[in-house]
Amino acid sequence: MVVTLTKKNIFFKFCRAYAQTIKKPMDLRYDPYTQSIQILDSHRTIHGVIEEVKDQLNSLYTVLNKLNKRKRQAKTTNNRKNGEVQKIINNNSLPNGNC
């Protein structure tokens, strides 16, 4: 994997590194659903964020499993169809007595 460092990327990395050196009494988190900033200043708040992340990961995991299942089913269907086509070619006939 090749990573191209542009001036913009370098600038953002520098800003992020600099921001991490600033002493602050709490951390913040942007919530895209409510378009608000959450203050992460207590165990309760942090555990709530962890639960949200777990829920999101579970949703992604479920979707990924569904996609993999569809992919396997499509592959099985294609293999079955290919097998039927090969039988037709080998028998020099069409199914159901057509032509």
N, C-alpha and C. Protein backbone atom coordinates (compact mmCIF):
# COMPACT_ATOMS: atom_id res chain seq x y z
N MET A 1 0.84 -1.17 0.00
CA MET A 1 0.00 0.00 0.00
C MET A 1 0.90 1.24 0.00
N VAL A 2 0.67 2.10 -0.94
CA VAL A 2 1.45 3.32 -1.06
C VAL A 2 0.63 4.48 -0.51
N VAL A 3 1.23 5.22 0.41
CA VAL A 3 0.56 6.38 0.99
C VAL A 3 1.25 7.63 0.47
N THR A 4 0.48 8.47 -0.17
CA THR A 4 1.03 9.72 -0.69
C THR A 4 0.80 10.81 0.35
N LEU A 5 1.89 11.41 0.78
CA LEU A 5 1.77 12.49 1.76
C LEU A 5 1.67 13.81 1.02
N THR A 6 0.54 14.44 1.13
CA THR A 6 0.36 15.75 0.55
C THR A 6 0.57 16.79 1.63
N LYS A 7 0.66 18.03 1.23
CA LYS A 7 0.81 19.10 2.21
C LYS A 7 -0.37 19.10 3.18
N LYS A 8 -1.55 18.82 2.66
CA LYS A 8 -2.76 18.81 3.49
C LYS A 8 -2.67 17.68 4.53
N ASN A 9 -2.26 16.47 4.10
CA ASN A 9 -2.13 15.34 5.02
C ASN A 9 -1.10 15.65 6.11
N ILE A 10 0.03 16.19 5.70
CA ILE A 10 1.09 16.52 6.66
C ILE A 10 0.59 17.56 7.66
N PHE A 11 -0.14 18.55 7.16
CA PHE A 11 -0.69 19.59 8.03
C PHE A 11 -1.64 19.00 9.07
N PHE A 12 -2.57 18.12 8.62
CA PHE A 12 -3.52 17.52 9.55
C PHE A 12 -2.82 16.63 10.57
N LYS A 13 -1.80 15.89 10.14
CA LYS A 13 -1.06 15.05 11.08
C LYS A 13 -0.33 15.91 12.10
N PHE A 14 0.23 17.01 11.64
CA PHE A 14 0.91 17.92 12.56
C PHE A 14 -0.08 18.50 13.57
N CYS A 15 -1.24 18.94 13.08
CA CYS A 15 -2.26 19.52 13.97
C CYS A 15 -2.74 18.49 14.98
N ARG A 16 -2.97 17.26 14.53
CA ARG A 16 -3.43 16.20 15.44
C ARG A 16 -2.38 15.91 16.50
N ALA A 17 -1.13 15.83 16.08
CA ALA A 17 -0.04 15.57 17.03
C ALA A 17 0.07 16.73 18.03
N TYR A 18 -0.03 17.94 17.53
CA TYR A 18 0.04 19.11 18.42
C TYR A 18 -1.13 19.12 19.40
N ALA A 19 -2.33 18.81 18.92
CA ALA A 19 -3.52 18.82 19.78
C ALA A 19 -3.39 17.80 20.90
N GLN A 20 -2.70 16.70 20.64
CA GLN A 20 -2.54 15.68 21.68
C GLN A 20 -1.61 16.14 22.80
N THR A 21 -0.79 17.15 22.54
CA THR A 21 0.12 17.64 23.57
C THR A 21 -0.54 18.65 24.49
N ILE A 22 -1.70 19.16 24.11
CA ILE A 22 -2.39 20.17 24.92
C ILE A 22 -3.05 19.48 26.11
N LYS A 23 -2.78 19.98 27.29
CA LYS A 23 -3.39 19.44 28.50
C LYS A 23 -4.84 19.93 28.58
N LYS A 24 -5.76 18.99 28.75
CA LYS A 24 -7.16 19.36 28.87
C LYS A 24 -7.82 18.47 29.92
N PRO A 25 -8.80 18.97 30.64
CA PRO A 25 -9.39 18.21 31.74
C PRO A 25 -10.32 17.08 31.27
N MET A 26 -10.74 17.09 30.01
CA MET A 26 -11.62 16.04 29.51
C MET A 26 -11.41 15.91 28.00
N ASP A 27 -11.92 14.81 27.46
CA ASP A 27 -11.88 14.62 26.01
C ASP A 27 -13.27 14.82 25.45
N LEU A 28 -13.32 15.08 24.17
CA LEU A 28 -14.58 15.34 23.48
C LEU A 28 -14.80 14.30 22.39
N ARG A 29 -16.06 14.12 22.08
CA ARG A 29 -16.44 13.19 21.00
C ARG A 29 -17.58 13.83 20.23
N TYR A 30 -17.45 13.79 18.90
CA TYR A 30 -18.52 14.31 18.05
C TYR A 30 -19.54 13.21 17.82
N ASP A 31 -20.81 13.50 18.04
CA ASP A 31 -21.89 12.54 17.79
C ASP A 31 -22.58 12.95 16.49
N PRO A 32 -22.35 12.20 15.41
CA PRO A 32 -22.92 12.59 14.13
C PRO A 32 -24.44 12.48 14.07
N TYR A 33 -25.03 11.62 14.90
CA TYR A 33 -26.49 11.46 14.88
C TYR A 33 -27.21 12.69 15.42
N THR A 34 -26.67 13.23 16.51
CA THR A 34 -27.29 14.42 17.10
C THR A 34 -26.57 15.69 16.68
N GLN A 35 -25.49 15.54 15.94
CA GLN A 35 -24.64 16.66 15.51
C GLN A 35 -24.26 17.53 16.70
N SER A 36 -23.80 16.83 17.74
CA SER A 36 -23.40 17.54 18.96
C SER A 36 -22.06 17.01 19.45
N ILE A 37 -21.49 17.72 20.40
CA ILE A 37 -20.23 17.33 21.01
C ILE A 37 -20.53 16.75 22.39
N GLN A 38 -19.99 15.56 22.65
CA GLN A 38 -20.14 14.94 23.96
C GLN A 38 -18.86 15.17 24.75
N ILE A 39 -19.00 15.48 26.02
CA ILE A 39 -17.85 15.61 26.90
C ILE A 39 -17.64 14.26 27.58
N LEU A 40 -16.46 13.68 27.38
CA LEU A 40 -16.14 12.39 27.98
C LEU A 40 -15.39 12.64 29.29
N ASP A 41 -16.17 12.88 30.33
CA ASP A 41 -15.55 13.25 31.60
C ASP A 41 -15.92 12.33 32.76
N SER A 42 -16.64 11.23 32.45
CA SER A 42 -17.00 10.30 33.53
C SER A 42 -17.01 8.87 32.99
N HIS A 43 -16.90 7.93 33.92
CA HIS A 43 -16.94 6.51 33.53
C HIS A 43 -18.27 6.17 32.85
N ARG A 44 -19.33 6.73 33.36
CA ARG A 44 -20.67 6.46 32.82
C ARG A 44 -20.76 6.89 31.35
N THR A 45 -20.26 8.08 31.05
CA THR A 45 -20.30 8.59 29.68
C THR A 45 -19.45 7.72 28.76
N ILE A 46 -18.27 7.36 29.23
CA ILE A 46 -17.36 6.55 28.41
C ILE A 46 -17.95 5.17 28.18
N HIS A 47 -18.54 4.57 29.19
CA HIS A 47 -19.19 3.26 29.01
C HIS A 47 -20.35 3.36 28.03
N GLY A 48 -21.07 4.47 28.04
CA GLY A 48 -22.14 4.67 27.07
C GLY A 48 -21.62 4.71 25.65
N VAL A 49 -20.49 5.38 25.45
CA VAL A 49 -19.87 5.44 24.12
C VAL A 49 -19.40 4.05 23.70
N ILE A 50 -18.82 3.32 24.64
CA ILE A 50 -18.36 1.95 24.33
C ILE A 50 -19.54 1.08 23.89
N GLU A 51 -20.68 1.21 24.57
CA GLU A 51 -21.86 0.43 24.20
C GLU A 51 -22.35 0.81 22.80
N GLU A 52 -22.31 2.10 22.47
CA GLU A 52 -22.70 2.54 21.13
C GLU A 52 -21.79 1.93 20.07
N VAL A 53 -20.50 1.94 20.35
CA VAL A 53 -19.53 1.38 19.39
C VAL A 53 -19.77 -0.13 19.24
N LYS A 54 -20.03 -0.82 20.36
CA LYS A 54 -20.33 -2.25 20.29
C LYS A 54 -21.55 -2.52 19.41
N ASP A 55 -22.60 -1.71 19.60
CA ASP A 55 -23.82 -1.87 18.80
C ASP A 55 -23.53 -1.66 17.32
N GLN A 56 -22.74 -0.64 17.02
CA GLN A 56 -22.40 -0.36 15.62
C GLN A 56 -21.58 -1.50 15.03
N LEU A 57 -20.63 -2.03 15.79
CA LEU A 57 -19.83 -3.15 15.31
C LEU A 57 -20.68 -4.40 15.10
N ASN A 58 -21.63 -4.65 16.00
CA ASN A 58 -22.53 -5.78 15.84
C ASN A 58 -23.37 -5.63 14.57
N SER A 59 -23.83 -4.42 14.30
CA SER A 59 -24.61 -4.18 13.08
C SER A 59 -23.76 -4.44 11.84
N LEU A 60 -22.54 -3.94 11.85
CA LEU A 60 -21.64 -4.16 10.72
C LEU A 60 -21.33 -5.64 10.54
N TYR A 61 -21.12 -6.35 11.64
CA TYR A 61 -20.84 -7.78 11.61
C TYR A 61 -22.02 -8.54 11.01
N THR A 62 -23.24 -8.17 11.41
CA THR A 62 -24.45 -8.81 10.89
C THR A 62 -24.57 -8.60 9.38
N VAL A 63 -24.35 -7.37 8.94
CA VAL A 63 -24.44 -7.06 7.51
C VAL A 63 -23.38 -7.83 6.73
N LEU A 64 -22.17 -7.89 7.26
CA LEU A 64 -21.09 -8.61 6.60
C LEU A 64 -21.43 -10.08 6.46
N ASN A 65 -21.99 -10.67 7.51
CA ASN A 65 -22.40 -12.08 7.44
C ASN A 65 -23.48 -12.30 6.39
N LYS A 66 -24.44 -11.37 6.31
CA LYS A 66 -25.49 -11.49 5.29
C LYS A 66 -24.91 -11.43 3.89
N LEU A 67 -23.97 -10.50 3.68
CA LEU A 67 -23.34 -10.38 2.37
C LEU A 67 -22.55 -11.64 2.02
N ASN A 68 -21.84 -12.19 2.99
CA ASN A 68 -21.10 -13.43 2.74
C ASN A 68 -22.03 -14.59 2.43
N LYS A 69 -23.17 -14.64 3.13
CA LYS A 69 -24.14 -15.71 2.89
C LYS A 69 -24.71 -15.59 1.47
N ARG A 70 -25.06 -14.35 1.05
CA ARG A 70 -25.56 -14.14 -0.31
C ARG A 70 -24.51 -14.53 -1.35
N LYS A 71 -23.26 -14.20 -1.07
CA LYS A 71 -22.18 -14.52 -2.00
C LYS A 71 -22.04 -16.04 -2.14
N ARG A 72 -22.10 -16.76 -1.00
CA ARG A 72 -22.00 -18.22 -1.05
C ARG A 72 -23.20 -18.82 -1.80
N GLN A 73 -24.40 -18.26 -1.55
CA GLN A 73 -25.59 -18.77 -2.24
C GLN A 73 -25.50 -18.52 -3.73
N ALA A 74 -25.03 -17.34 -4.13
CA ALA A 74 -24.89 -17.03 -5.55
C ALA A 74 -23.88 -17.96 -6.20
N LYS A 75 -22.79 -18.23 -5.49
CA LYS A 75 -21.76 -19.12 -6.03
C LYS A 75 -22.32 -20.52 -6.19
N THR A 76 -23.09 -21.00 -5.21
CA THR A 76 -23.70 -22.32 -5.28
C THR A 76 -24.69 -22.38 -6.44
N THR A 77 -25.50 -21.34 -6.60
CA THR A 77 -26.48 -21.28 -7.70
C THR A 77 -25.77 -21.29 -9.04
N ASN A 78 -24.70 -20.50 -9.17
CA ASN A 78 -23.95 -20.47 -10.42
C ASN A 78 -23.31 -21.81 -10.71
N ASN A 79 -22.78 -22.48 -9.70
CA ASN A 79 -22.18 -23.79 -9.90
C ASN A 79 -23.23 -24.80 -10.35
N ARG A 80 -24.43 -24.71 -9.75
CA ARG A 80 -25.51 -25.62 -10.13
C ARG A 80 -25.92 -25.38 -11.58
N LYS A 81 -26.06 -24.08 -11.95
CA LYS A 81 -26.43 -23.74 -13.33
C LYS A 81 -25.36 -24.20 -14.31
N ASN A 82 -24.09 -23.99 -13.95
CA ASN A 82 -23.01 -24.41 -14.82
C ASN A 82 -23.01 -25.92 -14.99
N GLY A 83 -23.34 -26.64 -13.92
CA GLY A 83 -23.43 -28.09 -14.00
C GLY A 83 -24.55 -28.53 -14.93
N GLU A 84 -25.69 -27.85 -14.88
CA GLU A 84 -26.82 -28.18 -15.76
C GLU A 84 -26.46 -27.89 -17.21
N VAL A 85 -25.79 -26.77 -17.46
CA VAL A 85 -25.37 -26.43 -18.82
C VAL A 85 -24.39 -27.48 -19.33
N GLN A 86 -23.48 -27.92 -18.49
CA GLN A 86 -22.50 -28.93 -18.91
C GLN A 86 -23.20 -30.24 -19.24
N LYS A 87 -24.23 -30.63 -18.46
CA LYS A 87 -24.99 -31.85 -18.77
C LYS A 87 -25.67 -31.73 -20.12
N ILE A 88 -26.24 -30.56 -20.40
CA ILE A 88 -26.91 -30.34 -21.68
C ILE A 88 -25.91 -30.47 -22.82
N ILE A 89 -24.75 -29.88 -22.65
CA ILE A 89 -23.71 -29.95 -23.69
C ILE A 89 -23.28 -31.39 -23.88
N ASN A 90 -23.07 -32.11 -22.79
CA ASN A 90 -22.63 -33.50 -22.89
C ASN A 90 -23.68 -34.40 -23.52
N ASN A 91 -24.96 -34.14 -23.25
CA ASN A 91 -26.05 -34.96 -23.78
C ASN A 91 -26.52 -34.50 -25.14
N ASN A 92 -26.03 -33.35 -25.60
CA ASN A 92 -26.47 -32.76 -26.87
C ASN A 92 -27.98 -32.64 -26.94
N SER A 93 -28.60 -32.29 -25.82
CA SER A 93 -30.06 -32.12 -25.81
C SER A 93 -30.42 -31.00 -24.85
N LEU A 94 -31.61 -30.48 -25.00
CA LEU A 94 -32.12 -29.44 -24.13
C LEU A 94 -33.08 -30.06 -23.12
N PRO A 95 -33.19 -29.50 -21.94
CA PRO A 95 -34.13 -30.03 -20.95
C PRO A 95 -35.57 -29.90 -21.40
N ASN A 96 -36.44 -30.72 -20.83
CA ASN A 96 -37.88 -30.69 -21.09
C ASN A 96 -38.20 -31.02 -22.54
N GLY A 97 -37.33 -31.70 -23.27
CA GLY A 97 -37.60 -32.13 -24.63
C GLY A 97 -37.68 -31.02 -25.65
N ASN A 98 -37.19 -29.83 -25.36
CA ASN A 98 -37.23 -28.74 -26.33
C ASN A 98 -36.14 -28.92 -27.37
N CYS A 99 -36.48 -28.67 -28.62
CA CYS A 99 -35.57 -28.72 -29.77
C CYS A 99 -34.68 -29.92 -29.68
